[in-house]
Amino acid sequence: MRMEAGSLGTLEVAREVPPNGYFLTDGQQDVLLPYAEIVGKIGPGDQVEAFLFHDTQDRLMATMKRPLLLMGKVGLLEVVDIHPRFGYFLEMGLGRNLLLPYRHVPELEELRPQVGDKVFATLAHDRQGRLIAKLALEEDLAPLCVRAPSSWSNQWVKARVYRPLQIGTFVICEAGVLGYGVIGLIAAPERTRLLRVGELVEVRVAFVREEDGRVNLSMRLRKEKGRDEDSERILSVLQERPGNAMPFSDKTSADVIKDRFGLSKAAFKRALGKLMKDGLIYQEDDWTYLKQEETQG
């Protein structure tokens, strides 16, 4: 076990130091386990599982209490306070809060979490080695997520925002007994307003992507079924292609379109037209491209 904040492991109770607590040791270094952090009864020579953290005076301490988030893991932590200078404080489950610094949240105020929101977070260290939180990224969340069943199509589900962008908002849809959740995207035209990190929103599953089980989502009521589903199919293909580009356009032959998308030429052109009208795609030299926009945070 490394003697650094965020470590969880087994240490030996070395000696008692009244009125403070017990010193734990790994054989080379000692760390104080205050009386208030003890769970059950312990004595010298016992092996105990301990989590290391810094106290309010930046001293490395141990606790036998189990934190809500461990190093290398993802946790869903509630925002319990906001500091005007430092950032957001998250409930850690240890009687003290974990700082999510402003530099790790979107710059736009409307996209930042509020007290009561829950954010997907990971643990990290600041320059002084103290524990801080960072917002979980797709690379952290994807291994935990599951595929959406085809039966989700056109169903309303609850989803929590983990990354808001101009092109759309990425969320984790609640999956109940299926597992951790399903990754989804609410494209910008399908939002009725901006969504903040940690916000829980009810959305409609517009399209379940066969290739990875992720979902395209909408906050809007269902419109023309055929054209919407066709547009979602094309958008899904573009999102998975290298460079978000595909060698198909309204000039592509009907046979190729039918083979690749399962659509008629007319349906394909109508769907392309909708996506261009919504400002999501553009065409150039018989290729179709997903528009790339700067992120909002």
Protein backbone atom coordinates (compact mmCIF):
# COMPACT_ATOMS: atom_id res chain seq x y z
CA MET A 1 0.00 0.00 0.00
CA ARG A 2 1.38 3.39 -0.98
CA MET A 3 1.30 5.97 1.76
CA GLU A 4 -0.55 8.66 -0.21
CA ALA A 5 -4.00 10.20 -0.10
CA GLY A 6 -6.56 8.04 -1.85
CA SER A 7 -4.88 4.73 -1.04
CA LEU A 8 -6.95 1.91 0.45
CA GLY A 9 -5.23 -1.11 1.90
CA THR A 10 -4.26 -3.18 4.90
CA LEU A 11 -1.96 -1.71 7.56
CA GLU A 12 -0.81 -2.97 10.94
CA VAL A 13 -1.77 -1.23 14.18
CA ALA A 14 1.64 -0.26 15.57
CA ARG A 15 0.85 1.54 18.84
CA GLU A 16 -1.67 3.67 20.65
CA VAL A 17 -0.93 7.39 21.17
CA PRO A 18 -3.50 8.87 23.59
CA PRO A 19 -5.34 11.20 23.30
CA ASN A 20 -5.02 11.11 19.50
CA GLY A 21 -5.53 7.55 18.32
CA TYR A 22 -3.37 4.77 16.91
CA PHE A 23 -0.42 4.78 14.55
CA LEU A 24 -0.73 2.39 11.61
CA THR A 25 2.35 1.18 9.76
CA ASP A 26 3.32 -0.52 6.54
CA GLY A 27 6.68 -1.44 8.05
CA GLN A 28 8.40 1.67 6.78
CA GLN A 29 6.04 4.59 7.36
CA ASP A 30 3.49 5.40 10.05
CA VAL A 31 0.17 7.25 9.72
CA LEU A 32 -2.22 8.36 12.45
CA LEU A 33 -5.65 6.76 12.75
CA PRO A 34 -7.64 9.16 14.98
CA TYR A 35 -10.03 7.66 17.52
CA ALA A 36 -12.97 9.23 15.63
CA GLU A 37 -12.00 7.30 12.47
CA ILE A 38 -12.02 3.84 14.09
CA VAL A 39 -14.73 1.32 13.23
CA GLY A 40 -15.12 -1.42 15.86
CA LYS A 41 -12.38 -2.39 18.32
CA ILE A 42 -8.69 -2.54 17.45
CA GLY A 43 -5.38 -3.02 19.24
CA PRO A 44 -1.64 -3.19 18.55
CA GLY A 45 -0.75 -5.99 16.15
CA ASP A 46 -4.16 -6.01 14.44
CA GLN A 47 -4.39 -5.76 10.66
CA VAL A 48 -6.93 -3.13 9.57
CA GLU A 49 -8.17 -1.81 6.24
CA ALA A 50 -7.63 1.93 6.06
CA PHE A 51 -8.19 4.77 3.61
CA LEU A 52 -5.71 7.66 3.58
CA PHE A 53 -6.65 11.33 3.26
CA HIS A 54 -5.44 14.79 4.30
CA ASP A 55 -7.11 16.52 7.24
CA THR A 56 -7.97 20.23 7.34
CA GLN A 57 -4.34 21.01 8.25
CA ASP A 58 -3.02 19.02 5.27
CA ARG A 59 -1.69 16.18 7.45
CA LEU A 60 -1.94 12.65 6.08
CA MET A 61 -4.43 10.67 8.17
CA ALA A 62 -6.12 7.26 8.06
CA THR A 63 -9.75 6.27 8.46
CA MET A 64 -11.47 2.90 8.70
CA LYS A 65 -14.64 4.43 7.24
CA ARG A 66 -15.38 3.46 3.66
CA PRO A 67 -15.37 6.38 1.17
CA LEU A 68 -17.95 6.68 -1.61
CA LEU A 69 -15.16 6.92 -4.21
CA LEU A 70 -11.81 5.13 -4.54
CA MET A 71 -8.77 5.94 -6.68
CA GLY A 72 -9.16 4.48 -10.17
CA LYS A 73 -12.93 4.12 -9.81
CA VAL A 74 -15.97 6.18 -10.87
CA GLY A 75 -18.50 7.42 -8.34
CA LEU A 76 -21.75 9.35 -8.50
CA LEU A 77 -21.28 12.05 -5.86
CA GLU A 78 -23.71 14.73 -4.73
CA VAL A 79 -22.83 18.42 -4.85
CA VAL A 80 -23.36 19.65 -1.27
CA ASP A 81 -21.76 23.12 -1.37
CA ILE A 82 -20.22 25.67 -3.72
CA HIS A 83 -17.23 27.84 -2.77
CA PRO A 84 -16.98 31.14 -4.70
CA ARG A 85 -13.20 30.81 -5.09
CA PHE A 86 -12.36 27.11 -5.07
CA GLY A 87 -15.17 25.14 -6.67
CA TYR A 88 -17.71 22.48 -5.78
CA PHE A 89 -17.71 20.29 -2.70
CA LEU A 90 -18.91 16.71 -3.13
CA GLU A 91 -20.18 14.29 -0.47
CA MET A 92 -17.41 11.76 0.10
CA GLY A 93 -19.03 9.68 2.83
CA LEU A 94 -16.27 10.39 5.36
CA GLY A 95 -17.70 13.35 7.24
CA ARG A 96 -15.64 15.72 5.06
CA ASN A 97 -16.19 16.86 1.50
CA LEU A 98 -14.18 16.42 -1.69
CA LEU A 99 -13.28 19.45 -3.79
CA LEU A 100 -14.13 19.56 -7.50
CA PRO A 101 -12.11 22.61 -8.65
CA TYR A 102 -13.57 25.17 -11.03
CA ARG A 103 -10.92 24.30 -13.64
CA HIS A 104 -12.51 20.86 -14.02
CA VAL A 105 -16.04 22.08 -14.81
CA PRO A 106 -17.37 23.95 -17.89
CA GLU A 107 -16.56 27.64 -18.15
CA LEU A 108 -20.14 28.61 -18.99
CA GLU A 109 -22.05 29.19 -15.76
CA GLU A 110 -25.25 27.65 -17.15
CA LEU A 111 -23.47 24.33 -17.68
CA ARG A 112 -22.07 24.05 -14.15
CA PRO A 113 -23.70 21.82 -11.53
CA GLN A 114 -25.94 23.08 -8.72
CA VAL A 115 -26.26 21.97 -5.11
CA GLY A 116 -28.23 18.72 -5.10
CA ASP A 117 -27.00 17.57 -8.51
CA LYS A 118 -24.95 14.38 -8.70
CA VAL A 119 -21.86 14.19 -10.88
CA PHE A 120 -19.85 11.24 -12.20
CA ALA A 121 -16.41 11.77 -10.70
CA THR A 122 -12.96 10.23 -10.35
CA LEU A 123 -10.23 10.86 -7.76
CA ALA A 124 -6.99 12.69 -8.53
CA HIS A 125 -4.24 14.57 -6.68
CA ASP A 126 -3.49 18.26 -6.79
CA ARG A 127 0.09 19.57 -6.88
CA GLN A 128 0.39 19.18 -3.11
CA GLY A 129 -0.77 15.56 -3.26
CA ARG A 130 -4.18 16.30 -1.77
CA LEU A 131 -7.29 14.54 -3.03
CA ILE A 132 -9.52 16.36 -5.52
CA ALA A 133 -12.29 15.27 -7.84
CA LYS A 134 -12.41 15.41 -11.62
CA LEU A 135 -15.44 14.91 -13.82
CA ALA A 136 -15.46 11.40 -15.28
CA LEU A 137 -14.77 11.18 -19.02
CA GLU A 138 -16.14 8.75 -21.57
CA GLU A 139 -13.00 6.62 -21.22
CA ASP A 140 -13.83 6.21 -17.52
CA LEU A 141 -17.54 5.54 -18.03
CA ALA A 142 -17.62 3.40 -21.19
CA PRO A 143 -16.19 0.21 -19.57
CA LEU A 144 -18.93 0.37 -16.95
CA CYS A 145 -21.85 0.92 -19.31
CA VAL A 146 -24.11 -1.57 -21.05
CA ARG A 147 -25.86 -1.80 -24.41
CA ALA A 148 -29.41 -0.50 -24.67
CA PRO A 149 -32.00 -3.11 -25.68
CA SER A 150 -33.85 -2.52 -28.95
CA SER A 151 -37.08 -2.29 -26.92
CA TRP A 152 -35.91 1.14 -25.68
CA SER A 153 -36.74 2.73 -29.04
CA ASN A 154 -39.15 5.65 -28.52
CA GLN A 155 -39.26 5.03 -24.76
CA TRP A 156 -38.71 7.80 -22.21
CA VAL A 157 -35.80 7.26 -19.82
CA LYS A 158 -33.99 9.24 -17.14
CA ALA A 159 -30.47 10.37 -17.98
CA ARG A 160 -27.73 12.26 -16.15
CA VAL A 161 -25.45 14.73 -17.94
CA TYR A 162 -21.71 14.02 -17.83
CA ARG A 163 -20.44 16.20 -20.70
CA PRO A 164 -22.21 19.20 -22.27
CA LEU A 165 -21.01 20.32 -25.72
CA GLN A 166 -22.37 22.70 -28.36
CA ILE A 167 -22.99 19.84 -30.78
CA GLY A 168 -24.93 17.95 -28.12
CA THR A 169 -25.08 16.75 -24.53
CA PHE A 170 -23.59 13.40 -23.51
CA VAL A 171 -25.47 11.55 -20.78
CA ILE A 172 -25.67 8.26 -18.93
CA CYS A 173 -29.17 6.78 -19.14
CA GLU A 174 -30.40 4.90 -16.10
CA ALA A 175 -30.56 1.19 -16.95
CA GLY A 176 -32.04 -0.30 -13.77
CA VAL A 177 -31.29 -4.01 -13.49
CA LEU A 178 -29.36 -3.92 -16.77
CA GLY A 179 -26.34 -2.38 -15.09
CA TYR A 180 -24.48 0.88 -14.64
CA GLY A 181 -26.14 2.76 -17.48
CA VAL A 182 -26.20 3.43 -21.22
CA ILE A 183 -24.23 6.18 -22.97
CA GLY A 184 -26.42 8.54 -24.95
CA LEU A 185 -26.26 11.77 -26.93
CA ILE A 186 -28.86 14.53 -27.06
CA ALA A 187 -27.99 16.39 -30.28
CA ALA A 188 -28.26 20.18 -30.02
CA PRO A 189 -31.48 20.43 -32.12
CA GLU A 190 -33.09 17.82 -29.86
CA ARG A 191 -32.53 19.90 -26.71
CA THR A 192 -35.20 22.30 -25.52
CA ARG A 193 -32.64 24.14 -23.36
CA LEU A 194 -29.02 23.91 -22.20
CA LEU A 195 -28.31 21.11 -19.75
CA ARG A 196 -25.81 21.34 -16.90
CA VAL A 197 -23.32 18.76 -15.64
CA GLY A 198 -24.94 16.48 -13.09
CA GLU A 199 -28.50 17.35 -14.09
CA LEU A 200 -31.05 14.54 -14.28
CA VAL A 201 -33.35 14.88 -17.27
CA GLU A 202 -36.09 12.79 -18.87
CA VAL A 203 -35.43 12.07 -22.54
CA ARG A 204 -36.90 10.04 -25.40
CA VAL A 205 -34.83 7.32 -27.09
CA ALA A 206 -34.93 8.29 -30.75
CA PHE A 207 -32.58 5.59 -32.00
CA VAL A 208 -30.71 2.59 -30.59
CA ARG A 209 -27.41 2.14 -32.40
CA GLU A 210 -26.91 -1.48 -33.41
CA GLU A 211 -23.11 -1.27 -33.59
CA ASP A 212 -22.50 -0.31 -29.94
CA GLY A 213 -25.84 -0.20 -28.14
CA ARG A 214 -25.60 3.52 -27.45
CA VAL A 215 -28.61 5.76 -27.97
CA ASN A 216 -29.50 8.99 -29.71
CA LEU A 217 -31.90 10.97 -27.54
CA SER A 218 -34.38 13.81 -27.70
CA MET A 219 -36.10 16.08 -25.21
CA ARG A 220 -38.85 16.65 -27.76
CA LEU A 221 -42.03 14.74 -28.43
CA ARG A 222 -42.07 12.32 -31.34
CA LYS A 223 -42.47 13.90 -34.79
CA GLU A 224 -42.58 12.21 -38.19
CA LYS A 225 -41.51 8.68 -37.30
CA GLY A 226 -39.90 7.69 -40.60
CA ARG A 227 -37.85 10.79 -41.25
CA ASP A 228 -36.66 11.09 -37.64
CA GLU A 229 -35.44 7.50 -37.45
CA ASP A 230 -33.70 7.77 -40.83
CA SER A 231 -31.92 10.96 -39.73
CA GLU A 232 -30.85 9.32 -36.48
CA ARG A 233 -29.46 6.35 -38.41
CA ILE A 234 -27.30 8.61 -40.60
CA LEU A 235 -26.20 10.70 -37.60
CA SER A 236 -25.20 7.52 -35.78
CA VAL A 237 -23.04 6.37 -38.70
CA LEU A 238 -21.28 9.75 -38.87
CA GLN A 239 -20.57 9.78 -35.15
CA GLU A 240 -18.74 6.46 -35.43
CA ARG A 241 -16.78 7.19 -38.63
CA PRO A 242 -13.13 8.40 -38.54
CA GLY A 243 -13.17 12.17 -38.73
CA ASN A 244 -16.98 12.07 -38.51
CA ALA A 245 -17.15 11.85 -42.31
CA MET A 246 -18.63 9.34 -44.76
CA PRO A 247 -18.21 8.89 -48.54
CA PHE A 248 -21.97 9.09 -49.15
CA SER A 249 -24.09 12.06 -50.23
CA ASP A 250 -27.30 12.82 -52.06
CA LYS A 251 -25.40 11.89 -55.25
CA THR A 252 -24.63 8.35 -54.08
CA SER A 253 -26.33 5.60 -56.08
CA ALA A 254 -29.56 4.09 -54.78
CA ASP A 255 -28.05 0.59 -54.64
CA VAL A 256 -25.18 1.70 -52.38
CA ILE A 257 -27.56 3.61 -50.11
CA LYS A 258 -29.89 0.64 -49.83
CA ASP A 259 -27.01 -1.70 -49.03
CA ARG A 260 -25.35 0.59 -46.46
CA PHE A 261 -28.34 2.22 -44.77
CA GLY A 262 -31.32 0.08 -45.69
CA LEU A 263 -33.04 3.20 -47.05
CA SER A 264 -34.43 4.24 -50.41
CA LYS A 265 -32.65 7.05 -52.23
CA ALA A 266 -35.62 9.36 -51.58
CA ALA A 267 -35.70 8.58 -47.84
CA PHE A 268 -31.93 9.06 -47.63
CA LYS A 269 -32.12 12.49 -49.29
CA ARG A 270 -34.99 13.58 -47.03
CA ALA A 271 -33.01 12.54 -43.97
CA LEU A 272 -29.88 14.35 -45.19
CA GLY A 273 -31.99 17.43 -45.81
CA LYS A 274 -33.31 17.38 -42.26
CA LEU A 275 -29.81 17.07 -40.79
CA MET A 276 -28.51 19.92 -42.96
CA LYS A 277 -31.49 22.08 -42.02
CA ASP A 278 -30.76 21.38 -38.36
CA GLY A 279 -27.16 22.49 -38.92
CA LEU A 280 -25.65 19.13 -37.98
CA ILE A 281 -24.01 18.13 -41.27
CA TYR A 282 -22.60 19.55 -44.50
CA GLN A 283 -21.54 18.05 -47.86
CA GLU A 284 -18.36 18.56 -49.80
CA ASP A 285 -16.98 16.66 -52.85
CA ASP A 286 -19.64 13.93 -52.54
CA TRP A 287 -18.76 13.36 -48.87
CA THR A 288 -20.96 14.13 -45.88
CA TYR A 289 -19.41 15.59 -42.71
CA LEU A 290 -20.64 16.05 -39.17
CA LYS A 291 -20.17 19.70 -38.21
CA GLN A 292 -17.50 20.18 -35.58
CA GLU A 293 -18.02 22.95 -33.04
CA GLU A 294 -15.98 24.17 -30.12
CA THR A 295 -17.02 22.76 -26.78
CA GLN A 296 -18.73 24.89 -24.17
CA GLY A 297 -16.53 23.59 -21.40
